[in-house]
Amino acid sequence: MKKLTTFNKIIAKRTTIQVITGILVYASISYYNLSLWYLLIIGIIIGVIFGKVFCRWMCPMGFIMEMLMGASPDQKLKNMYMYHKIGCPIAWFEGFLNKISFWKIKLNTDSCSSCGICDKQCYISILEPEKYSLYKQDKERPGESYTCSKCLSCVSVCPNGSLKYTFKKVS
């Protein structure tokens, strides 16, 4: 049995974190009359640092959509979660920032056993297996894709700990 690291425990609590931060975002907007421009600026700053994390870790609408999509028995519908974000400017900016963000999903090829569990967990790799893979060398990395929302499910299921969400060293 795989030992849960502190980071994996945080990933396991992602939905709870999303509910709490979503409520705080909603309260900030409605009760404190926080301008959506401030929210967009905060989203861009978060995107530069972490990539596209707002949708899966903070967004109240993202939580609602994830629960609705997750209730479906159809795996393809569950994976259509990313398409509800088409009208969200925070998702647009953070998606473009996935390539340059300071935190990245990195693969340690030395310890990777090429089991494919990460690809089976990743909604991007499931929808476009001919284009994306977390471990295959000839494919694009889903974590740098515009559509990756950094749910980090791939990191949490890796049996060898070969996938990490880590700070990119500037060279």
C-alpha atoms as a PDB file:
ATOM      1  CA  MET A   1       0.000   0.000   0.000  1.00  0.00           C
ATOM      2  CA  LYS A   2       1.266   3.443  -0.943  1.00  0.00           C
ATOM      3  CA  LYS A   3       2.154   5.745   1.941  1.00  0.00           C
ATOM      4  CA  LEU A   4       0.323   9.068   1.755  1.00  0.00           C
ATOM      5  CA  THR A   5       2.650  12.048   1.852  1.00  0.00           C
ATOM      6  CA  THR A   6       1.521  15.396   3.210  1.00  0.00           C
ATOM      7  CA  PHE A   7       1.189  16.638  -0.362  1.00  0.00           C
ATOM      8  CA  ASN A   8      -1.018  13.671  -1.323  1.00  0.00           C
ATOM      9  CA  LYS A   9      -3.177  14.316   1.739  1.00  0.00           C
ATOM     10  CA  ILE A  10      -3.681  17.901   0.528  1.00  0.00           C
ATOM     11  CA  ILE A  11      -4.590  16.635  -2.947  1.00  0.00           C
ATOM     12  CA  ALA A  12      -7.088  14.213  -1.363  1.00  0.00           C
ATOM     13  CA  LYS A  13      -8.757  17.218   0.330  1.00  0.00           C
ATOM     14  CA  ARG A  14      -8.937  19.235  -2.917  1.00  0.00           C
ATOM     15  CA  THR A  15     -12.746  19.285  -3.027  1.00  0.00           C
ATOM     16  CA  THR A  16     -12.960  20.530   0.563  1.00  0.00           C
ATOM     17  CA  ILE A  17     -10.374  23.213  -0.191  1.00  0.00           C
ATOM     18  CA  GLN A  18     -12.348  24.171  -3.303  1.00  0.00           C
ATOM     19  CA  VAL A  19     -15.589  24.517  -1.313  1.00  0.00           C
ATOM     20  CA  ILE A  20     -13.970  26.689   1.379  1.00  0.00           C
ATOM     21  CA  THR A  21     -12.107  28.955  -1.041  1.00  0.00           C
ATOM     22  CA  GLY A  22     -15.138  29.043  -3.356  1.00  0.00           C
ATOM     23  CA  ILE A  23     -17.319  30.288  -0.510  1.00  0.00           C
ATOM     24  CA  LEU A  24     -14.692  32.902   0.355  1.00  0.00           C
ATOM     25  CA  VAL A  25     -14.515  34.028  -3.279  1.00  0.00           C
ATOM     26  CA  TYR A  26     -18.299  34.227  -3.504  1.00  0.00           C
ATOM     27  CA  ALA A  27     -18.522  36.135  -0.193  1.00  0.00           C
ATOM     28  CA  SER A  28     -15.797  38.547  -1.312  1.00  0.00           C
ATOM     29  CA  ILE A  29     -17.639  39.288  -4.514  1.00  0.00           C
ATOM     30  CA  SER A  30     -21.162  39.539  -3.140  1.00  0.00           C
ATOM     31  CA  TYR A  31     -20.870  40.697   0.472  1.00  0.00           C
ATOM     32  CA  TYR A  32     -17.773  42.894   0.217  1.00  0.00           C
ATOM     33  CA  ASN A  33     -18.557  44.042  -3.338  1.00  0.00           C
ATOM     34  CA  LEU A  34     -15.144  42.932  -4.590  1.00  0.00           C
ATOM     35  CA  SER A  35     -14.806  43.934  -8.204  1.00  0.00           C
ATOM     36  CA  LEU A  36     -14.417  41.099 -10.677  1.00  0.00           C
ATOM     37  CA  TRP A  37     -11.389  42.977 -12.033  1.00  0.00           C
ATOM     38  CA  TYR A  38      -9.600  42.344  -8.731  1.00  0.00           C
ATOM     39  CA  LEU A  39     -10.529  38.694  -8.948  1.00  0.00           C
ATOM     40  CA  LEU A  40      -9.117  38.539 -12.477  1.00  0.00           C
ATOM     41  CA  ILE A  41      -5.857  40.183 -11.371  1.00  0.00           C
ATOM     42  CA  ILE A  42      -5.571  37.776  -8.426  1.00  0.00           C
ATOM     43  CA  GLY A  43      -6.281  34.876 -10.794  1.00  0.00           C
ATOM     44  CA  ILE A  44      -3.519  36.013 -13.161  1.00  0.00           C
ATOM     45  CA  ILE A  45      -1.013  36.325 -10.302  1.00  0.00           C
ATOM     46  CA  ILE A  46      -1.954  32.847  -9.074  1.00  0.00           C
ATOM     47  CA  GLY A  47      -1.651  31.595 -12.671  1.00  0.00           C
ATOM     48  CA  VAL A  48       1.890  32.924 -13.051  1.00  0.00           C
ATOM     49  CA  ILE A  49       2.931  31.142  -9.873  1.00  0.00           C
ATOM     50  CA  PHE A  50       0.956  27.874  -9.951  1.00  0.00           C
ATOM     51  CA  GLY A  51      -0.607  27.615 -13.413  1.00  0.00           C
ATOM     52  CA  LYS A  52      -4.300  27.003 -13.965  1.00  0.00           C
ATOM     53  CA  VAL A  53      -5.312  26.096 -10.401  1.00  0.00           C
ATOM     54  CA  PHE A  54      -8.236  28.472  -9.872  1.00  0.00           C
ATOM     55  CA  CYS A  55     -10.804  26.247 -11.624  1.00  0.00           C
ATOM     56  CA  ARG A  56     -10.123  23.077  -9.619  1.00  0.00           C
ATOM     57  CA  TRP A  57      -9.028  24.572  -6.297  1.00  0.00           C
ATOM     58  CA  MET A  58     -10.920  27.864  -5.792  1.00  0.00           C
ATOM     59  CA  CYS A  59     -13.807  28.482  -8.188  1.00  0.00           C
ATOM     60  CA  PRO A  60     -17.362  28.191  -6.794  1.00  0.00           C
ATOM     61  CA  MET A  61     -18.779  27.546 -10.290  1.00  0.00           C
ATOM     62  CA  GLY A  62     -16.034  24.990 -10.909  1.00  0.00           C
ATOM     63  CA  PHE A  63     -17.154  23.100  -7.813  1.00  0.00           C
ATOM     64  CA  ILE A  64     -20.778  23.064  -8.948  1.00  0.00           C
ATOM     65  CA  MET A  65     -19.833  21.897 -12.451  1.00  0.00           C
ATOM     66  CA  GLU A  66     -17.485  19.257 -11.089  1.00  0.00           C
ATOM     67  CA  MET A  67     -20.229  17.853  -8.865  1.00  0.00           C
ATOM     68  CA  LEU A  68     -22.742  17.804 -11.730  1.00  0.00           C
ATOM     69  CA  MET A  69     -20.301  16.198 -14.163  1.00  0.00           C
ATOM     70  CA  GLY A  70     -19.040  13.787 -11.517  1.00  0.00           C
ATOM     71  CA  ALA A  71     -22.555  12.514 -10.840  1.00  0.00           C
ATOM     72  CA  SER A  72     -22.789  11.123 -14.365  1.00  0.00           C
ATOM     73  CA  PRO A  73     -21.927   7.444 -14.924  1.00  0.00           C
ATOM     74  CA  ASP A  74     -20.554   8.357 -18.374  1.00  0.00           C
ATOM     75  CA  GLN A  75     -16.749   8.802 -18.178  1.00  0.00           C
ATOM     76  CA  LYS A  76     -16.663  11.022 -21.287  1.00  0.00           C
ATOM     77  CA  LEU A  77     -19.208  13.387 -19.694  1.00  0.00           C
ATOM     78  CA  LYS A  78     -17.201  13.475 -16.465  1.00  0.00           C
ATOM     79  CA  ASN A  79     -14.180  14.510 -18.478  1.00  0.00           C
ATOM     80  CA  MET A  80     -16.080  17.301 -20.229  1.00  0.00           C
ATOM     81  CA  TYR A  81     -15.579  19.354 -17.051  1.00  0.00           C
ATOM     82  CA  MET A  82     -13.039  21.527 -18.813  1.00  0.00           C
ATOM     83  CA  TYR A  83     -15.496  22.759 -21.432  1.00  0.00           C
ATOM     84  CA  HIS A  84     -17.716  24.725 -19.039  1.00  0.00           C
ATOM     85  CA  LYS A  85     -14.805  27.123 -18.555  1.00  0.00           C
ATOM     86  CA  ILE A  86     -15.022  28.531 -22.085  1.00  0.00           C
ATOM     87  CA  GLY A  87     -16.651  31.756 -20.865  1.00  0.00           C
ATOM     88  CA  CYS A  88     -14.327  32.369 -17.908  1.00  0.00           C
ATOM     89  CA  PRO A  89     -11.558  34.950 -18.364  1.00  0.00           C
ATOM     90  CA  ILE A  90      -9.636  33.588 -15.363  1.00  0.00           C
ATOM     91  CA  ALA A  91      -9.552  30.159 -17.025  1.00  0.00           C
ATOM     92  CA  TRP A  92      -8.336  31.778 -20.270  1.00  0.00           C
ATOM     93  CA  PHE A  93      -5.448  33.642 -18.668  1.00  0.00           C
ATOM     94  CA  GLU A  94      -4.415  30.835 -16.328  1.00  0.00           C
ATOM     95  CA  GLY A  95      -4.590  28.323 -19.188  1.00  0.00           C
ATOM     96  CA  PHE A  96      -2.126  30.368 -21.213  1.00  0.00           C
ATOM     97  CA  LEU A  97       0.071  30.731 -18.116  1.00  0.00           C
ATOM     98  CA  ASN A  98       0.381  26.929 -17.665  1.00  0.00           C
ATOM     99  CA  LYS A  99       3.445  26.929 -19.942  1.00  0.00           C
ATOM    100  CA  ILE A 100       5.291  29.660 -18.037  1.00  0.00           C
ATOM    101  CA  SER A 101       4.112  29.130 -14.455  1.00  0.00           C
ATOM    102  CA  PHE A 102       6.732  28.599 -11.748  1.00  0.00           C
ATOM    103  CA  TRP A 103       5.163  25.343 -10.499  1.00  0.00           C
ATOM    104  CA  LYS A 104       5.057  22.383 -12.906  1.00  0.00           C
ATOM    105  CA  ILE A 105       4.116  18.723 -12.983  1.00  0.00           C
ATOM    106  CA  LYS A 106       7.473  17.013 -13.489  1.00  0.00           C
ATOM    107  CA  LEU A 107       8.242  13.398 -14.351  1.00  0.00           C
ATOM    108  CA  ASN A 108      11.293  11.601 -12.979  1.00  0.00           C
ATOM    109  CA  THR A 109      12.028   9.236 -15.872  1.00  0.00           C
ATOM    110  CA  ASP A 110      14.523   7.260 -13.765  1.00  0.00           C
ATOM    111  CA  SER A 111      11.887   6.059 -11.307  1.00  0.00           C
ATOM    112  CA  CYS A 112       8.915   5.888 -13.743  1.00  0.00           C
ATOM    113  CA  SER A 113       7.831   2.313 -14.452  1.00  0.00           C
ATOM    114  CA  SER A 114       5.613   3.376 -17.408  1.00  0.00           C
ATOM    115  CA  CYS A 115       2.593   1.740 -15.758  1.00  0.00           C
ATOM    116  CA  GLY A 116       0.202   4.314 -17.281  1.00  0.00           C
ATOM    117  CA  ILE A 117      -1.858   4.829 -14.119  1.00  0.00           C
ATOM    118  CA  CYS A 118      -1.295   8.592 -14.352  1.00  0.00           C
ATOM    119  CA  ASP A 119      -2.698   8.746 -17.896  1.00  0.00           C
ATOM    120  CA  LYS A 120      -5.779   6.779 -16.819  1.00  0.00           C
ATOM    121  CA  GLN A 121      -6.404   9.370 -14.093  1.00  0.00           C
ATOM    122  CA  CYS A 122      -5.754  12.487 -16.218  1.00  0.00           C
ATOM    123  CA  TYR A 123      -8.888  13.826 -17.907  1.00  0.00           C
ATOM    124  CA  ILE A 124      -6.798  15.380 -20.684  1.00  0.00           C
ATOM    125  CA  SER A 125      -4.953  12.137 -21.489  1.00  0.00           C
ATOM    126  CA  ILE A 126      -8.260  10.255 -21.449  1.00  0.00           C
ATOM    127  CA  LEU A 127      -9.910  12.650 -23.916  1.00  0.00           C
ATOM    128  CA  GLU A 128      -6.921  12.914 -26.270  1.00  0.00           C
ATOM    129  CA  PRO A 129      -4.664   9.855 -25.774  1.00  0.00           C
ATOM    130  CA  GLU A 130      -3.129  10.226 -29.230  1.00  0.00           C
ATOM    131  CA  LYS A 131      -1.812  13.700 -28.306  1.00  0.00           C
ATOM    132  CA  TYR A 132      -1.132  13.719 -24.534  1.00  0.00           C
ATOM    133  CA  SER A 133       0.673  11.508 -22.043  1.00  0.00           C
ATOM    134  CA  LEU A 134       2.321  12.166 -18.723  1.00  0.00           C
ATOM    135  CA  TYR A 135       4.984   9.487 -19.185  1.00  0.00           C
ATOM    136  CA  LYS A 136       5.359   8.699 -22.921  1.00  0.00           C
ATOM    137  CA  GLN A 137       8.287  10.599 -24.425  1.00  0.00           C
ATOM    138  CA  ASP A 138       6.724  11.182 -27.873  1.00  0.00           C
ATOM    139  CA  LYS A 139       3.584  12.921 -26.537  1.00  0.00           C
ATOM    140  CA  GLU A 140       2.796  16.407 -25.238  1.00  0.00           C
ATOM    141  CA  ARG A 141       2.613  16.876 -21.459  1.00  0.00           C
ATOM    142  CA  PRO A 142      -0.951  17.509 -20.217  1.00  0.00           C
ATOM    143  CA  GLY A 143       0.327  19.673 -17.335  1.00  0.00           C
ATOM    144  CA  GLU A 144       1.512  22.335 -19.767  1.00  0.00           C
ATOM    145  CA  SER A 145      -1.658  22.180 -21.835  1.00  0.00           C
ATOM    146  CA  TYR A 146      -4.081  25.092 -21.832  1.00  0.00           C
ATOM    147  CA  THR A 147      -6.816  22.787 -20.526  1.00  0.00           C
ATOM    148  CA  CYS A 148      -4.969  21.316 -17.505  1.00  0.00           C
ATOM    149  CA  SER A 149      -6.543  22.621 -14.296  1.00  0.00           C
ATOM    150  CA  LYS A 150      -3.890  21.142 -12.001  1.00  0.00           C
ATOM    151  CA  CYS A 151      -6.257  18.812 -10.138  1.00  0.00           C
ATOM    152  CA  LEU A 152      -3.055  16.814  -9.480  1.00  0.00           C
ATOM    153  CA  SER A 153      -4.850  13.473  -9.553  1.00  0.00           C
ATOM    154  CA  CYS A 154      -2.008  12.182 -11.726  1.00  0.00           C
ATOM    155  CA  VAL A 155       0.521  13.088  -9.034  1.00  0.00           C
ATOM    156  CA  SER A 156      -1.492  11.463  -6.255  1.00  0.00           C
ATOM    157  CA  VAL A 157      -1.954   8.104  -8.050  1.00  0.00           C
ATOM    158  CA  CYS A 158       1.650   7.603  -9.180  1.00  0.00           C
ATOM    159  CA  PRO A 159       2.767   4.436  -7.345  1.00  0.00           C
ATOM    160  CA  ASN A 160       6.474   5.304  -7.547  1.00  0.00           C
ATOM    161  CA  GLY A 161       6.194   8.993  -6.765  1.00  0.00           C
ATOM    162  CA  SER A 162       7.691   9.706 -10.198  1.00  0.00           C
ATOM    163  CA  LEU A 163       5.313  12.611 -10.804  1.00  0.00           C
ATOM    164  CA  LYS A 164       5.761  15.697  -8.651  1.00  0.00           C
ATOM    165  CA  TYR A 165       4.206  19.141  -8.610  1.00  0.00           C
ATOM    166  CA  THR A 166       7.307  21.177  -7.993  1.00  0.00           C
ATOM    167  CA  PHE A 167       8.901  24.603  -8.338  1.00  0.00           C
ATOM    168  CA  LYS A 168      10.620  25.058 -11.694  1.00  0.00           C
ATOM    169  CA  LYS A 169      14.192  26.166 -11.205  1.00  0.00           C
ATOM    170  CA  VAL A 170      15.056  29.221 -13.260  1.00  0.00           C
ATOM    171  CA  SER A 171      18.307  28.698 -15.154  1.00  0.00           C
END
